[in-house]
Amino acid sequence: MFIFSIIAFVLVLGIVIMLHELGHMIMAKRAGILCHEFSVGMGPILYKKKKGETLYALRAIPIGGYVMMAGEEVNEDMVKVGQTLRILKDDNGKITHMIMDVDDSRYQHAEKIKVDSVDLTGKDGDPLHINDELVDNEAFYVFKNKKLQVAPYDRSFESKTLLERFLTIFAGPFMNFILAFFLFIIIGFMTGFPQADADGNITNEIGVVEPGHPAENVVEIGDRVVGVEDTMDIENWDTFSQAMQTHRAERELTLHLERDGEVIEETLTPNIQIFSIGVSSNPDASDPHEVSIGEVQQNTPAREAGLTQGDVITRVNDTTIDTWGDLLQSMDDNEAGGTLEIEVLRDGETHTYDVDAYGRELLESQGARIAQVTIGVSPVHEFNFSQSLMSGFTGVAGASTMIFDTLRMLFGDTVGVGDLAGPVGIFSMTSTAFQQGVITLLNWVAFLSVNLGILNLLPIPALDGGRIVFIGYEAITRRKVNKTIENYLHMIMFILLLTLLLVVTYNDILRLFN
């Protein structure tokens, strides 16, 4: 399974990055910009193929990618006055190859020259030349391990119009939104949508009973939930959910079900999920009223603190915990989040842990509650073509809202750098999504794609958004930003972002070992 998780991670990240870079390259080529290389991944090249004027490469580390476009960076002239090099010419006498290392054994037969004058950009419309020799517009610099095509000014990024440059930069994030848009539509086609009544309310009919959940062998497909405990006014799924939340601390929950024209009563023990710390009730506990922990979810405060399955919670801060109701109340009282001192009984011994619980604001930004009770049932779903199409828009909008809320809290005090996930965290989440099935995996890919698109549009140097800001400055002032200053800003921010990535990855590894 681990090998399959690695394959899923590489494919997921590769697809998201590849389409991002493909967006850049498509618009660059449409604008006539020379693209030297299209790479997915970073580091050593695993596979490469030259097609036309572009080298397509797959690199070893699947955490990035790039399109090398002519004119994006400030480079010193490759060929300088006073330099010695070797040259190859075509039948018309134009220079086609400039061998930068005159001692390269492969080209000892080539003519050797000293450069007295040179223009390899043709910015003012002059032909490219070295001394009195004309240089082909598609000539190559030849280095020990690679060849690089000459980039005349009219083939460079900086020579293009403001609109062409903007579209070239914006096309990368835009492709991420397009990918997510179609994935959400596909998910809509595959899952359908909850059946609704004439007023638009989701009906109270059971459509799915999840295997291995409390409702299995108790609730049947086709049952209608008409009551929970003493709440007997359930007419749709919303009122059912509200009633479940009202009785969330009950360990023996009575459901009133309409089955075959009769109302019957069934009793079950629901599963309590506490998202603020990342634990759920233990279905195997001998006493359902005992506050025994079941699953401790990965990458959660409880897992990081050291809580484990089978622990019995006996105290939270100064509050003694005798029932699940006590624990739920303690979580509600900690609405703002923060550190909780949790005492547990494990194998007859008492242990105390400091658990950094999530607050309500953070959880709600991710579509979750502090705590929730579930029994493993879903409403009847049906195919809806128009809703499936709309789910592309609503899915992207919903994912974007979650990401913006998280960014807002990151710049506040709610979320810290320690809560962010890097490549290792993404691998862990991809592995979890892969194990939960194709729908969960597609949903995760869509969310990750929106995430990449939005983060790249942040107005920060080294990101696409930073480059768009510089283009906007030029559009307003009618003056180009000093290219040297711009590239220094990109370089400094790239180093800072790389440092942040290393810190986040270190935290990811600590969480993984915990």
Protein backbone atom coordinates (compact mmCIF):
# COMPACT_ATOMS: atom_id res chain seq x y z
CA MET A 1 0.00 0.00 0.00
CA PHE A 2 2.91 2.35 0.75
CA ILE A 3 4.22 1.96 -2.82
CA PHE A 4 0.77 2.74 -4.23
CA SER A 5 0.57 5.80 -1.95
CA ILE A 6 3.89 7.04 -3.36
CA ILE A 7 2.65 6.50 -6.91
CA ALA A 8 -0.59 8.35 -6.11
CA PHE A 9 1.39 11.23 -4.56
CA VAL A 10 3.71 11.56 -7.57
CA LEU A 11 0.80 11.42 -10.02
CA VAL A 12 -1.35 13.89 -8.08
CA LEU A 13 1.40 16.45 -7.60
CA GLY A 14 2.72 15.86 -11.11
CA ILE A 15 -0.66 16.49 -12.75
CA VAL A 16 -1.34 19.63 -10.73
CA ILE A 17 2.12 21.09 -11.42
CA MET A 18 2.25 19.98 -15.06
CA LEU A 19 -1.04 21.68 -15.94
CA HIS A 20 0.08 24.84 -14.13
CA GLU A 21 3.29 25.02 -16.15
CA LEU A 22 1.46 23.98 -19.32
CA GLY A 23 -0.74 27.06 -18.93
CA HIS A 24 2.35 29.27 -18.82
CA MET A 25 3.88 27.59 -21.87
CA ILE A 26 0.75 27.62 -24.04
CA MET A 27 0.31 31.38 -23.66
CA ALA A 28 4.06 31.99 -23.98
CA LYS A 29 4.20 30.16 -27.29
CA ARG A 30 1.08 31.97 -28.50
CA ALA A 31 2.88 35.24 -27.79
CA GLY A 32 5.98 34.04 -29.68
CA ILE A 33 8.15 33.73 -26.57
CA LEU A 34 11.01 31.26 -26.84
CA CYS A 35 10.57 28.49 -24.25
CA HIS A 36 13.91 26.79 -23.64
CA GLU A 37 12.63 24.11 -21.26
CA PHE A 38 9.43 22.68 -19.80
CA SER A 39 10.19 20.74 -16.62
CA VAL A 40 8.00 18.87 -14.15
CA GLY A 41 9.82 18.33 -10.87
CA MET A 42 13.12 19.65 -9.64
CA GLY A 43 16.65 18.28 -9.39
CA PRO A 44 18.33 15.72 -11.67
CA ILE A 45 16.69 14.88 -15.00
CA LEU A 46 15.14 11.41 -15.17
CA TYR A 47 13.82 11.73 -18.72
CA LYS A 48 14.12 14.37 -21.42
CA LYS A 49 13.04 14.83 -25.00
CA LYS A 50 13.67 17.75 -27.34
CA LYS A 51 10.68 18.70 -29.46
CA GLY A 52 11.01 21.73 -31.65
CA GLU A 53 12.85 24.43 -29.75
CA THR A 54 11.76 23.22 -26.28
CA LEU A 55 13.34 20.56 -24.07
CA TYR A 56 10.70 18.58 -22.15
CA ALA A 57 12.09 17.11 -18.92
CA LEU A 58 10.90 14.99 -16.02
CA ARG A 59 13.01 15.62 -12.92
CA ALA A 60 13.60 13.51 -9.82
CA ILE A 61 12.00 15.58 -7.05
CA PRO A 62 8.21 15.96 -7.60
CA ILE A 63 7.75 19.25 -5.71
CA GLY A 64 7.83 21.88 -8.41
CA GLY A 65 8.32 22.63 -12.05
CA TYR A 66 9.05 25.49 -14.37
CA VAL A 67 9.02 26.84 -17.90
CA MET A 68 12.31 28.50 -18.81
CA MET A 69 11.30 31.45 -20.97
CA ALA A 70 13.74 33.73 -22.76
CA GLY A 71 13.98 37.19 -21.21
CA GLU A 72 12.45 36.41 -17.81
CA GLU A 73 15.75 36.83 -15.99
CA VAL A 74 18.64 39.25 -16.20
CA ASN A 75 21.56 37.34 -17.64
CA GLU A 76 25.04 38.48 -18.46
CA ASP A 77 25.77 38.29 -22.16
CA MET A 78 26.82 34.76 -23.02
CA VAL A 79 29.33 36.06 -25.56
CA LYS A 80 31.46 39.09 -24.66
CA VAL A 81 33.95 41.24 -26.46
CA GLY A 82 37.43 39.80 -26.00
CA GLN A 83 36.15 36.25 -25.53
CA THR A 84 37.47 33.35 -27.58
CA LEU A 85 35.10 30.67 -28.88
CA ARG A 86 34.61 28.22 -31.71
CA ILE A 87 31.86 28.48 -34.31
CA LEU A 88 30.00 26.31 -36.81
CA LYS A 89 28.29 27.77 -39.89
CA ASP A 90 25.59 26.67 -42.29
CA ASP A 91 25.88 26.55 -46.06
CA ASN A 92 24.99 30.25 -46.28
CA GLY A 93 27.85 31.23 -43.99
CA LYS A 94 25.65 32.06 -40.95
CA ILE A 95 26.85 31.02 -37.52
CA THR A 96 24.62 28.22 -36.19
CA HIS A 97 26.61 27.04 -33.16
CA MET A 98 28.84 28.90 -30.71
CA ILE A 99 31.04 26.50 -28.75
CA MET A 100 31.68 28.20 -25.43
CA ASP A 101 34.56 25.92 -24.39
CA VAL A 102 37.26 26.16 -27.02
CA ASP A 103 38.93 23.04 -25.56
CA ASP A 104 35.82 20.88 -26.03
CA SER A 105 37.22 17.79 -27.75
CA ARG A 106 34.05 17.33 -29.80
CA TYR A 107 34.59 20.59 -31.70
CA GLN A 108 38.34 20.86 -32.24
CA HIS A 109 37.65 20.96 -35.97
CA ALA A 110 35.49 24.10 -35.64
CA GLU A 111 36.78 27.55 -36.51
CA LYS A 112 38.25 29.46 -33.56
CA ILE A 113 37.64 33.21 -33.32
CA LYS A 114 38.18 36.13 -30.94
CA VAL A 115 35.16 38.37 -30.40
CA ASP A 116 35.73 42.02 -31.32
CA SER A 117 32.04 43.03 -31.58
CA VAL A 118 28.80 41.22 -30.84
CA ASP A 119 25.01 41.68 -30.86
CA LEU A 120 22.95 38.56 -30.15
CA THR A 121 19.67 40.28 -29.24
CA GLY A 122 18.87 42.45 -32.23
CA LYS A 123 16.87 44.77 -29.98
CA ASP A 124 17.08 47.68 -32.39
CA GLY A 125 16.20 45.56 -35.40
CA ASP A 126 19.79 44.91 -36.38
CA PRO A 127 20.73 41.40 -37.53
CA LEU A 128 22.50 39.19 -35.02
CA HIS A 129 26.26 39.13 -35.52
CA ILE A 130 29.65 38.32 -34.07
CA ASN A 131 32.36 40.50 -35.63
CA ASP A 132 31.36 40.64 -39.30
CA GLU A 133 29.72 37.22 -39.25
CA LEU A 134 25.91 36.95 -39.28
CA VAL A 135 24.35 34.71 -36.62
CA ASP A 136 21.24 32.65 -37.33
CA ASN A 137 18.23 33.69 -35.21
CA GLU A 138 17.93 30.06 -34.09
CA ALA A 139 21.62 29.49 -33.39
CA PHE A 140 22.79 27.63 -30.27
CA TYR A 141 25.23 28.22 -27.46
CA VAL A 142 27.01 24.89 -26.90
CA PHE A 143 28.12 24.02 -23.37
CA LYS A 144 29.66 20.83 -21.99
CA ASN A 145 26.33 19.26 -20.98
CA LYS A 146 23.69 21.18 -22.89
CA LYS A 147 22.78 23.46 -25.76
CA LEU A 148 20.81 26.68 -25.34
CA GLN A 149 19.10 28.47 -28.20
CA VAL A 150 19.90 32.11 -28.84
CA ALA A 151 17.02 34.37 -27.83
CA PRO A 152 16.62 37.45 -30.01
CA TYR A 153 14.82 40.33 -28.32
CA ASP A 154 11.59 39.77 -30.26
CA ARG A 155 11.44 36.19 -28.86
CA SER A 156 11.94 37.29 -25.25
CA PHE A 157 9.32 37.70 -22.52
CA GLU A 158 10.20 41.35 -21.89
CA SER A 159 9.60 42.31 -25.53
CA LYS A 160 5.92 41.37 -25.43
CA THR A 161 2.94 43.60 -24.71
CA LEU A 162 1.56 44.05 -21.19
CA LEU A 163 -1.46 41.90 -22.06
CA GLU A 164 0.66 39.09 -23.53
CA ARG A 165 2.91 39.03 -20.46
CA PHE A 166 -0.05 39.14 -18.08
CA LEU A 167 -1.80 36.26 -19.86
CA THR A 168 1.41 34.22 -19.89
CA ILE A 169 1.82 34.58 -16.12
CA PHE A 170 -1.87 34.28 -15.20
CA ALA A 171 -2.40 31.18 -17.37
CA GLY A 172 -0.57 28.96 -14.84
CA PRO A 173 -2.91 29.54 -11.88
CA PHE A 174 -5.88 29.69 -14.28
CA MET A 175 -5.15 26.12 -15.44
CA ASN A 176 -5.27 25.01 -11.79
CA PHE A 177 -8.75 26.50 -11.43
CA ILE A 178 -9.82 24.84 -14.70
CA LEU A 179 -8.55 21.45 -13.48
CA ALA A 180 -10.44 21.81 -10.20
CA PHE A 181 -13.56 23.02 -12.03
CA PHE A 182 -13.78 19.87 -14.17
CA LEU A 183 -12.87 17.55 -11.29
CA PHE A 184 -15.72 18.94 -9.19
CA ILE A 185 -18.08 18.39 -12.14
CA ILE A 186 -16.86 14.79 -12.48
CA ILE A 187 -17.42 14.24 -8.76
CA GLY A 188 -20.95 15.63 -9.15
CA PHE A 189 -21.67 13.20 -12.01
CA MET A 190 -20.29 10.26 -10.00
CA THR A 191 -21.96 10.94 -6.64
CA GLY A 192 -25.20 12.67 -7.60
CA PHE A 193 -26.98 15.06 -5.24
CA PRO A 194 -29.25 14.59 -2.24
CA GLN A 195 -32.89 14.12 -3.18
CA ALA A 196 -34.88 17.27 -2.36
CA ASP A 197 -38.58 17.92 -1.85
CA ALA A 198 -40.66 20.60 -3.56
CA ASP A 199 -39.33 23.24 -1.12
CA GLY A 200 -35.71 22.36 -1.84
CA ASN A 201 -35.16 20.57 1.48
CA ILE A 202 -33.22 17.29 1.46
CA THR A 203 -35.62 14.47 2.22
CA ASN A 204 -35.34 12.38 5.39
CA GLU A 205 -35.17 9.08 3.48
CA ILE A 206 -32.08 6.93 4.04
CA GLY A 207 -30.19 6.20 0.83
CA VAL A 208 -26.90 4.78 2.15
CA VAL A 209 -25.97 2.80 5.27
CA GLU A 210 -22.19 2.71 5.63
CA PRO A 211 -20.69 -0.71 6.50
CA GLY A 212 -18.88 -0.82 9.82
CA HIS A 213 -20.80 2.15 11.24
CA PRO A 214 -23.36 2.17 14.10
CA ALA A 215 -26.36 2.18 11.74
CA GLU A 216 -25.34 -1.07 10.07
CA ASN A 217 -27.91 -3.85 10.73
CA VAL A 218 -30.09 -1.29 12.55
CA VAL A 219 -31.23 1.18 9.87
CA GLU A 220 -32.32 0.01 6.41
CA ILE A 221 -32.16 1.75 3.06
CA GLY A 222 -35.57 3.31 2.40
CA ASP A 223 -36.28 4.09 6.09
CA ARG A 224 -37.48 7.60 6.84
CA VAL A 225 -36.21 9.19 10.05
CA VAL A 226 -39.18 10.84 11.79
CA GLY A 227 -37.75 11.20 15.31
CA VAL A 228 -34.58 11.19 17.42
CA GLU A 229 -35.13 10.54 21.15
CA ASP A 230 -37.95 12.95 22.14
CA THR A 231 -37.59 15.10 19.00
CA MET A 232 -40.51 14.00 16.81
CA ASP A 233 -40.84 16.83 14.26
CA ILE A 234 -38.21 15.62 11.76
CA GLU A 235 -39.39 16.31 8.23
CA ASN A 236 -36.12 16.67 6.30
CA TRP A 237 -32.39 16.04 6.57
CA ASP A 238 -31.62 19.42 8.16
CA THR A 239 -33.95 18.82 11.09
CA PHE A 240 -32.53 15.30 11.41
CA SER A 241 -28.99 16.68 11.60
CA GLN A 242 -30.04 19.29 14.16
CA ALA A 243 -31.66 16.62 16.32
CA MET A 244 -28.54 14.47 16.14
CA GLN A 245 -26.45 17.43 17.27
CA THR A 246 -28.88 18.16 20.11
CA HIS A 247 -28.54 14.58 21.40
CA ARG A 248 -24.85 14.24 20.55
CA ALA A 249 -23.85 13.10 24.06
CA GLU A 250 -26.37 10.22 24.18
CA ARG A 251 -24.66 6.83 24.17
CA GLU A 252 -27.88 4.89 23.61
CA LEU A 253 -29.71 6.82 20.92
CA THR A 254 -33.29 5.96 19.97
CA LEU A 255 -34.29 6.55 16.35
CA HIS A 256 -37.94 6.61 15.25
CA LEU A 257 -38.07 5.19 11.73
CA GLU A 258 -40.92 4.93 9.26
CA ARG A 259 -40.56 1.53 7.58
CA ASP A 260 -43.18 -0.16 5.40
CA GLY A 261 -45.86 2.28 6.57
CA GLU A 262 -45.15 1.77 10.27
CA VAL A 263 -43.10 3.77 12.78
CA ILE A 264 -40.62 1.62 14.68
CA GLU A 265 -37.97 2.36 17.29
CA GLU A 266 -34.33 1.28 16.96
CA THR A 267 -31.50 1.93 19.42
CA LEU A 268 -27.83 2.29 18.57
CA THR A 269 -24.60 3.77 19.96
CA PRO A 270 -23.49 6.67 17.75
CA ASN A 271 -19.91 7.62 16.98
CA ILE A 272 -18.72 10.88 18.54
CA GLN A 273 -16.06 12.75 16.60
CA ILE A 274 -14.23 15.60 18.35
CA PHE A 275 -12.56 17.56 15.56
CA SER A 276 -11.03 20.17 17.88
CA ILE A 277 -8.44 17.61 19.04
CA GLY A 278 -8.88 14.81 16.49
CA VAL A 279 -10.34 11.85 18.37
CA SER A 280 -13.49 9.75 18.18
CA SER A 281 -15.34 7.45 20.56
CA ASN A 282 -14.20 3.86 20.88
CA PRO A 283 -16.79 1.47 19.37
CA ASP A 284 -15.08 -1.47 21.10
CA ALA A 285 -15.31 -0.04 24.63
CA SER A 286 -17.03 -2.44 27.03
CA ASP A 287 -18.93 0.45 28.59
CA PRO A 288 -20.22 2.91 25.95
CA HIS A 289 -20.52 5.60 28.64
CA GLU A 290 -16.80 5.38 29.41
CA VAL A 291 -14.86 8.17 27.68
CA SER A 292 -12.61 5.77 25.80
CA ILE A 293 -10.82 7.03 22.70
CA GLY A 294 -11.20 5.14 19.45
CA GLU A 295 -9.42 6.38 16.32
CA VAL A 296 -6.83 9.14 16.79
CA GLN A 297 -6.67 10.84 13.41
CA GLN A 298 -3.38 11.62 11.69
CA ASN A 299 -1.95 15.15 11.74
CA THR A 300 -4.18 16.22 14.63
CA PRO A 301 -3.41 17.78 18.03
CA ALA A 302 -4.24 14.52 19.85
CA ARG A 303 -1.87 12.46 17.67
CA GLU A 304 0.91 15.03 18.03
CA ALA A 305 0.48 15.21 21.81
CA GLY A 306 0.70 11.42 22.18
CA LEU A 307 -2.89 10.27 22.83
CA THR A 308 -3.63 6.81 21.49
CA GLN A 309 -6.54 4.45 20.90
CA GLY A 310 -7.88 2.92 24.12
CA ASP A 311 -6.95 5.87 26.35
CA VAL A 312 -9.73 6.80 28.79
CA ILE A 313 -10.02 10.56 29.32
CA THR A 314 -10.51 11.37 33.02
CA ARG A 315 -9.74 15.10 33.22
CA VAL A 316 -9.53 18.21 31.00
CA ASN A 317 -7.79 21.09 32.77
CA ASP A 318 -9.58 21.28 36.14
CA THR A 319 -12.74 19.47 35.00
CA THR A 320 -13.28 15.84 35.90
CA ILE A 321 -14.55 13.83 32.92
CA ASP A 322 -17.03 11.08 33.78
CA THR A 323 -19.16 11.09 30.62
CA TRP A 324 -18.94 12.05 26.97
CA GLY A 325 -21.23 14.95 27.82
CA ASP A 326 -18.55 16.28 30.20
CA LEU A 327 -15.90 16.02 27.47
CA LEU A 328 -18.10 17.70 24.85
CA GLN A 329 -18.84 20.55 27.23
CA SER A 330 -15.12 21.00 27.91
CA MET A 331 -14.46 21.23 24.16
CA ASP A 332 -17.27 23.78 23.75
CA ASP A 333 -15.86 25.86 26.63
CA ASN A 334 -12.53 25.96 24.80
CA GLU A 335 -14.17 27.70 21.83
CA ALA A 336 -11.15 29.90 21.08
CA GLY A 337 -8.80 26.93 21.00
CA GLY A 338 -5.47 26.71 22.80
CA THR A 339 -3.67 24.26 25.05
CA LEU A 340 -5.69 21.77 27.08
CA GLU A 341 -4.20 19.64 29.82
CA ILE A 342 -5.75 16.22 29.25
CA GLU A 343 -5.36 13.38 31.72
CA VAL A 344 -5.91 9.82 30.51
CA LEU A 345 -5.93 6.37 32.05
CA ARG A 346 -3.82 3.89 30.05
CA ASP A 347 -3.20 0.30 31.17
CA GLY A 348 -4.04 1.25 34.73
CA GLU A 349 -1.63 4.21 34.79
CA THR A 350 -2.40 7.92 34.62
CA HIS A 351 -0.73 10.08 31.95
CA THR A 352 -1.08 13.81 31.30
CA TYR A 353 -0.68 15.50 27.91
CA ASP A 354 -0.78 19.09 26.68
CA VAL A 355 -3.01 19.14 23.59
CA ASP A 356 -3.17 22.25 21.38
CA ALA A 357 -6.84 22.18 20.41
CA TYR A 358 -8.26 23.88 17.33
CA GLY A 359 -10.71 26.73 17.89
CA ARG A 360 -14.20 27.08 16.45
CA GLU A 361 -13.18 29.73 13.89
CA LEU A 362 -10.46 27.54 12.37
CA LEU A 363 -12.71 24.47 12.25
CA GLU A 364 -15.63 26.31 10.69
CA SER A 365 -13.31 27.76 8.04
CA GLN A 366 -12.60 24.15 7.03
CA GLY A 367 -16.27 23.13 7.11
CA ALA A 368 -16.10 21.30 10.45
CA ARG A 369 -17.53 21.63 13.96
CA ILE A 370 -15.87 21.31 17.34
CA ALA A 371 -17.67 17.98 17.75
CA GLN A 372 -20.20 15.94 15.83
CA VAL A 373 -22.14 12.73 16.26
CA THR A 374 -22.51 10.31 13.33
CA ILE A 375 -24.19 6.97 12.76
CA GLY A 376 -23.12 6.27 9.17
CA VAL A 377 -26.16 7.14 7.05
CA SER A 378 -26.66 9.40 4.04
CA PRO A 379 -29.74 10.67 2.22
CA VAL A 380 -30.94 9.34 -1.13
CA HIS A 381 -28.82 10.73 -3.97
CA GLU A 382 -29.93 11.16 -7.56
CA PHE A 383 -28.27 12.24 -10.80
CA ASN A 384 -28.73 15.92 -11.65
CA PHE A 385 -27.03 17.22 -14.79
CA SER A 386 -27.46 20.94 -14.11
CA GLN A 387 -26.34 20.63 -10.49
CA SER A 388 -23.30 18.66 -11.60
CA LEU A 389 -22.31 21.51 -13.92
CA MET A 390 -22.90 24.07 -11.18
CA SER A 391 -20.77 22.02 -8.78
CA GLY A 392 -17.74 23.07 -10.82
CA PHE A 393 -18.37 26.70 -9.82
CA THR A 394 -19.51 25.99 -6.26
CA GLY A 395 -16.64 23.56 -5.66
CA VAL A 396 -13.98 26.06 -6.75
CA ALA A 397 -15.70 28.84 -4.80
CA GLY A 398 -15.95 26.70 -1.66
CA ALA A 399 -12.31 25.56 -1.82
CA SER A 400 -11.19 29.15 -2.44
CA THR A 401 -13.16 30.41 0.56
CA MET A 402 -11.54 27.79 2.81
CA ILE A 403 -8.06 28.72 1.60
CA PHE A 404 -8.63 32.48 1.98
CA ASP A 405 -10.01 31.92 5.49
CA THR A 406 -6.91 29.93 6.38
CA LEU A 407 -4.61 32.63 4.96
CA ARG A 408 -6.50 35.27 6.94
CA MET A 409 -6.04 33.28 10.13
CA LEU A 410 -2.37 32.63 9.28
CA PHE A 411 -1.73 36.37 9.29
CA GLY A 412 -3.66 36.61 12.55
CA ASP A 413 -3.07 34.59 15.69
CA THR A 414 -5.32 31.60 14.98
CA VAL A 415 -3.03 29.56 12.72
CA GLY A 416 0.76 29.34 12.92
CA VAL A 417 3.54 28.10 10.67
CA GLY A 418 3.49 24.84 12.64
CA ASP A 419 -0.02 24.14 11.31
CA LEU A 420 1.03 24.33 7.66
CA ALA A 421 1.74 21.25 5.54
CA GLY A 422 4.63 20.82 3.12
CA PRO A 423 5.53 17.97 0.74
CA VAL A 424 5.57 15.35 3.51
CA GLY A 425 2.20 16.55 4.80
CA ILE A 426 0.78 16.54 1.27
CA PHE A 427 2.05 12.98 0.84
CA SER A 428 0.34 11.93 4.07
CA MET A 429 -2.97 13.54 3.05
CA THR A 430 -2.75 12.13 -0.47
CA SER A 431 -2.14 8.67 0.98
CA THR A 432 -5.19 9.01 3.23
CA ALA A 433 -7.36 10.24 0.33
CA PHE A 434 -6.12 7.38 -1.87
CA GLN A 435 -7.09 4.81 0.75
CA GLN A 436 -10.58 6.33 1.12
CA GLY A 437 -11.48 5.87 -2.53
CA VAL A 438 -11.60 7.59 -5.88
CA ILE A 439 -14.15 10.26 -4.90
CA THR A 440 -12.09 11.41 -1.93
CA LEU A 441 -8.92 11.38 -4.04
CA LEU A 442 -10.49 13.45 -6.83
CA ASN A 443 -11.84 15.90 -4.29
CA TRP A 444 -8.37 16.20 -2.73
CA VAL A 445 -6.73 16.78 -6.14
CA ALA A 446 -9.27 19.52 -6.90
CA PHE A 447 -8.69 21.19 -3.54
CA LEU A 448 -4.91 20.96 -3.95
CA SER A 449 -5.15 22.47 -7.44
CA VAL A 450 -7.19 25.44 -6.18
CA ASN A 451 -4.68 25.82 -3.35
CA LEU A 452 -1.76 25.98 -5.78
CA GLY A 453 -3.60 28.46 -8.00
CA ILE A 454 -4.45 30.84 -5.16
CA LEU A 455 -1.04 30.66 -3.47
CA ASN A 456 0.67 31.42 -6.77
CA LEU A 457 -1.50 34.52 -7.20
CA LEU A 458 -0.44 36.02 -3.88
CA PRO A 459 1.28 39.38 -4.59
CA ILE A 460 4.66 38.13 -3.42
CA PRO A 461 7.90 38.27 -5.46
CA ALA A 462 9.01 34.85 -6.77
CA LEU A 463 5.35 33.87 -7.24
CA ASP A 464 3.15 34.50 -10.28
CA GLY A 465 1.21 37.10 -8.30
CA GLY A 466 4.40 39.07 -7.67
CA ARG A 467 5.19 39.13 -11.37
CA ILE A 468 1.66 40.32 -12.11
CA VAL A 469 2.16 43.16 -9.60
CA PHE A 470 5.26 44.31 -11.50
CA ILE A 471 3.29 44.17 -14.76
CA GLY A 472 0.54 46.22 -13.09
CA TYR A 473 3.12 48.79 -11.93
CA GLU A 474 4.35 49.12 -15.50
CA ALA A 475 0.79 49.50 -16.81
CA ILE A 476 0.08 52.33 -14.34
CA THR A 477 3.38 54.22 -14.51
CA ARG A 478 4.23 53.42 -18.14
CA ARG A 479 7.73 52.63 -16.92
CA LYS A 480 9.34 49.21 -16.74
CA VAL A 481 10.57 48.03 -13.39
CA ASN A 482 14.35 47.87 -13.18
CA LYS A 483 14.98 44.26 -14.16
CA THR A 484 17.94 43.87 -11.83
CA ILE A 485 15.95 45.09 -8.82
CA GLU A 486 12.98 42.92 -9.75
CA ASN A 487 15.12 39.81 -10.00
CA TYR A 488 16.87 40.54 -6.70
CA LEU A 489 13.44 40.76 -5.06
CA HIS A 490 12.42 37.47 -6.68
CA MET A 491 15.65 35.82 -5.51
CA ILE A 492 15.39 37.08 -1.91
CA MET A 493 11.76 36.00 -1.60
CA PHE A 494 12.54 32.64 -3.20
CA ILE A 495 15.18 32.03 -0.52
CA LEU A 496 12.69 33.02 2.21
CA LEU A 497 10.01 30.76 0.75
CA LEU A 498 12.52 27.91 0.49
CA THR A 499 13.43 28.44 4.14
CA LEU A 500 9.73 28.35 5.06
CA LEU A 501 9.36 25.13 3.05
CA LEU A 502 12.23 23.54 4.98
CA VAL A 503 10.69 24.55 8.33
CA VAL A 504 7.27 23.24 7.32
CA THR A 505 8.80 20.00 6.02
CA TYR A 506 10.68 19.55 9.31
CA ASN A 507 7.37 19.95 11.20
CA ASP A 508 5.76 17.47 8.78
CA ILE A 509 8.44 14.89 9.54
CA LEU A 510 8.02 15.37 13.29
CA ARG A 511 4.25 14.85 12.92
CA LEU A 512 4.85 11.76 10.78
CA PHE A 513 7.11 10.17 13.40
CA ASN A 514 4.69 11.12 16.18
